Amino acid sequence: MTYILRCDIAGTPLRWISPQDAVRHYAMQTIAWELGDVAQRFHGGRRAVDGMRTVIDVSAIISVHGPVHSASVRQVPPLSNSLLFARDQFLCLYCGQSFAAGQLTRDHVVPRSRGGKDTWENLATACRACNQRKADRTPEEARMPLLAVPYVPQPAEYLILSNRRIIGDQMSFLRSRMRKPKNRYVA
């Protein structure tokens, strides 16, 4: 299924919604504007006046009337292994090798036994061998430097990471909403 990118009226991307939820916004006339190609077409019943069948074309990106979400309010996206692994591009941030999701683990840069938290900034993707080798130490103590700096994904980046079936219009729109990241790879 192709999900629809829902934005506020100012164009801040908020979440993915189902095409059926988007149809409700069209029917309630709460759509402020729409962008992109038609993602899905819905056929309704026949109009009593002329017998024509109703059709609602749902665009890939819709804006819904309502409050504007300030860009200065930074929401931390929910953390899961699948999103963490996607953020780190399925690479072990210690050895640099690429792995399938089932071969990766969540590593605490500052170990939990030392007060390290389950936060985006304290978690790195690691293969099982590197995670076991690092054990209950910091990367410096284990002499296993990180290849990249853990970070909190930007809201638009989080939306990209959380949807595997993004169509071209949506990807272009989301990328245009991302701040240019600093180089997170360590030299």
Protein backbone atom coordinates (compact mmCIF):
# COMPACT_ATOMS: atom_id res chain seq x y z
CA MET A 1 0.00 0.00 0.00
CA THR A 2 1.19 3.51 -0.78
CA TYR A 3 0.83 5.76 2.25
CA ILE A 4 -0.03 9.42 1.92
CA LEU A 5 2.25 12.09 3.37
CA ARG A 6 0.19 14.38 5.60
CA CYS A 7 1.47 17.91 6.21
CA ASP A 8 0.20 20.93 8.10
CA ILE A 9 -0.90 23.98 6.13
CA ALA A 10 2.65 25.43 6.26
CA GLY A 11 4.08 22.32 4.60
CA THR A 12 5.63 20.69 7.66
CA PRO A 13 5.53 16.92 7.07
CA LEU A 14 3.75 15.29 10.03
CA ARG A 15 3.04 11.61 9.42
CA TRP A 16 2.07 8.88 7.02
CA ILE A 17 -1.64 8.17 6.75
CA SER A 18 -3.58 5.52 4.90
CA PRO A 19 -5.30 6.43 1.62
CA GLN A 20 -8.62 5.77 3.39
CA ASP A 21 -7.79 8.39 6.05
CA ALA A 22 -6.89 10.81 3.26
CA VAL A 23 -10.29 10.19 1.62
CA ARG A 24 -11.96 11.24 4.88
CA HIS A 25 -10.09 14.55 4.73
CA TYR A 26 -11.22 15.05 1.13
CA ALA A 27 -14.81 14.19 2.06
CA MET A 28 -14.75 16.54 5.08
CA GLN A 29 -13.16 19.24 2.88
CA THR A 30 -10.23 19.75 5.26
CA ILE A 31 -7.58 19.59 2.50
CA ALA A 32 -5.75 22.92 2.19
CA TRP A 33 -3.55 21.91 -0.74
CA GLU A 34 -2.15 18.82 -2.42
CA LEU A 35 1.03 17.94 -4.29
CA GLY A 36 2.31 15.14 -6.44
CA ASP A 37 0.73 12.57 -8.64
CA VAL A 38 -2.44 10.72 -7.79
CA ALA A 39 -1.44 7.96 -5.38
CA GLN A 40 -4.80 6.21 -5.40
CA ARG A 41 -8.24 6.59 -6.96
CA PHE A 42 -11.39 5.70 -5.03
CA HIS A 43 -14.75 5.07 -6.68
CA GLY A 44 -17.89 5.78 -4.71
CA GLY A 45 -21.57 5.40 -5.39
CA ARG A 46 -23.66 6.96 -8.12
CA ARG A 47 -25.05 10.46 -7.77
CA ALA A 48 -28.85 10.62 -7.72
CA VAL A 49 -28.87 13.76 -9.90
CA ASP A 50 -27.11 12.40 -12.96
CA GLY A 51 -26.17 8.78 -12.22
CA MET A 52 -22.46 9.53 -12.54
CA ARG A 53 -20.14 7.56 -10.29
CA THR A 54 -18.22 9.65 -7.76
CA VAL A 55 -14.42 9.54 -7.85
CA ILE A 56 -11.87 10.85 -5.36
CA ASP A 57 -8.27 11.08 -6.52
CA VAL A 58 -5.90 11.11 -3.54
CA SER A 59 -2.63 12.94 -4.08
CA ALA A 60 0.66 11.61 -2.73
CA ILE A 61 1.06 14.64 -0.44
CA ILE A 62 -1.79 16.46 1.26
CA SER A 63 -1.98 19.43 3.57
CA VAL A 64 -4.74 19.51 6.15
CA HIS A 65 -6.20 22.64 7.77
CA GLY A 66 -5.34 22.93 11.43
CA PRO A 67 -2.53 24.13 13.68
CA VAL A 68 0.88 24.93 12.21
CA HIS A 69 3.66 22.89 13.80
CA SER A 70 6.64 25.06 14.63
CA ALA A 71 9.91 23.90 13.14
CA SER A 72 11.62 25.07 16.33
CA VAL A 73 9.75 22.46 18.37
CA ARG A 74 11.98 19.45 17.93
CA GLN A 75 10.22 16.21 18.58
CA VAL A 76 12.38 13.18 19.19
CA PRO A 77 11.11 10.38 16.96
CA PRO A 78 10.31 7.04 18.57
CA LEU A 79 13.25 4.66 18.68
CA SER A 80 13.16 1.08 17.45
CA ASN A 81 15.81 -1.33 16.22
CA SER A 82 14.46 -1.23 12.67
CA LEU A 83 14.69 2.59 12.55
CA LEU A 84 18.12 2.58 14.25
CA PHE A 85 19.46 0.05 11.73
CA ALA A 86 17.99 2.08 8.85
CA ARG A 87 19.56 5.30 10.25
CA ASP A 88 22.95 3.57 10.26
CA GLN A 89 22.29 2.06 6.81
CA PHE A 90 22.55 -1.51 8.12
CA LEU A 91 26.27 -1.04 8.78
CA CYS A 92 28.11 -2.04 11.92
CA LEU A 93 29.48 1.29 13.12
CA TYR A 94 32.53 -0.50 14.52
CA CYS A 95 33.77 -2.76 11.69
CA GLY A 96 31.97 -0.99 8.83
CA GLN A 97 30.51 -4.15 7.30
CA SER A 98 26.96 -4.35 5.97
CA PHE A 99 24.58 -6.87 7.55
CA ALA A 100 20.98 -8.04 7.36
CA ALA A 101 18.77 -6.69 10.15
CA GLY A 102 18.70 -10.09 11.90
CA GLN A 103 22.49 -10.00 12.26
CA LEU A 104 22.60 -6.57 13.89
CA THR A 105 22.28 -5.45 17.49
CA ARG A 106 21.72 -2.24 19.39
CA ASP A 107 24.93 -1.13 21.11
CA HIS A 108 25.02 1.44 23.92
CA VAL A 109 28.01 3.73 23.34
CA VAL A 110 27.99 4.52 27.07
CA PRO A 111 27.00 1.14 28.55
CA ARG A 112 23.73 0.94 30.47
CA SER A 113 25.63 -0.31 33.51
CA ARG A 114 27.34 3.12 33.55
CA GLY A 115 24.18 5.14 33.19
CA GLY A 116 23.93 5.05 29.39
CA LYS A 117 20.40 5.59 28.15
CA ASP A 118 18.32 4.19 25.30
CA THR A 119 18.57 7.36 23.21
CA TRP A 120 19.36 7.99 19.57
CA GLU A 121 22.61 9.76 20.56
CA ASN A 122 23.80 6.84 22.73
CA LEU A 123 22.95 3.98 20.38
CA ALA A 124 24.88 2.61 17.46
CA THR A 125 24.23 -0.32 15.17
CA ALA A 126 26.70 -3.15 15.75
CA CYS A 127 27.17 -6.67 14.45
CA ARG A 128 26.98 -9.36 17.11
CA ALA A 129 30.75 -10.00 17.06
CA CYS A 130 31.65 -6.33 17.58
CA ASN A 131 29.00 -5.87 20.26
CA GLN A 132 30.37 -8.86 22.18
CA ARG A 133 33.96 -7.71 21.72
CA LYS A 134 33.16 -4.20 22.98
CA ALA A 135 31.27 -5.72 25.91
CA ASP A 136 30.67 -3.42 28.87
CA ARG A 137 33.16 -0.75 27.80
CA THR A 138 33.14 2.54 25.98
CA PRO A 139 34.47 2.54 22.40
CA GLU A 140 37.66 4.22 23.64
CA GLU A 141 38.25 1.62 26.36
CA ALA A 142 37.64 -1.20 23.89
CA ARG A 143 39.88 0.49 21.28
CA MET A 144 36.96 0.28 18.85
CA PRO A 145 36.32 3.78 17.54
CA LEU A 146 32.91 4.53 16.06
CA LEU A 147 32.88 5.10 12.31
CA ALA A 148 30.00 7.59 12.61
CA VAL A 149 28.49 9.76 15.30
CA PRO A 150 25.05 8.64 16.56
CA TYR A 151 22.39 11.32 16.12
CA VAL A 152 18.66 12.00 16.36
CA PRO A 153 17.06 11.84 12.89
CA GLN A 154 15.42 15.02 11.65
CA PRO A 155 11.61 14.81 11.39
CA ALA A 156 11.66 14.49 7.59
CA GLU A 157 14.44 11.90 7.79
CA TYR A 158 12.44 9.93 10.34
CA LEU A 159 9.51 9.81 7.89
CA ILE A 160 11.87 8.51 5.20
CA LEU A 161 13.27 5.85 7.55
CA SER A 162 9.81 4.73 8.66
CA ASN A 163 8.31 4.02 5.23
CA ARG A 164 9.72 1.55 2.72
CA ARG A 165 7.30 2.45 -0.08
CA ILE A 166 7.94 6.14 -0.63
CA ILE A 167 7.12 7.36 -4.12
CA GLY A 168 9.25 9.90 -5.99
CA ASP A 169 7.12 12.98 -5.25
CA GLN A 170 7.13 12.22 -1.54
CA MET A 171 10.88 11.57 -1.41
CA SER A 172 11.66 14.83 -3.21
CA PHE A 173 9.36 16.75 -0.89
CA LEU A 174 10.86 15.20 2.27
CA ARG A 175 14.44 15.73 1.12
CA SER A 176 13.68 19.39 0.46
CA ARG A 177 12.57 19.69 4.11
CA MET A 178 15.79 18.30 5.56
CA ARG A 179 18.58 20.48 6.87
CA LYS A 180 21.90 19.58 5.36
CA PRO A 181 23.48 17.19 7.88
CA LYS A 182 26.96 17.63 9.20
CA ASN A 183 29.39 14.94 8.17
CA ARG A 184 28.76 12.29 10.80
CA TYR A 185 31.46 9.92 9.61
CA VAL A 186 34.68 10.06 11.57
CA ALA A 187 37.81 10.59 9.50
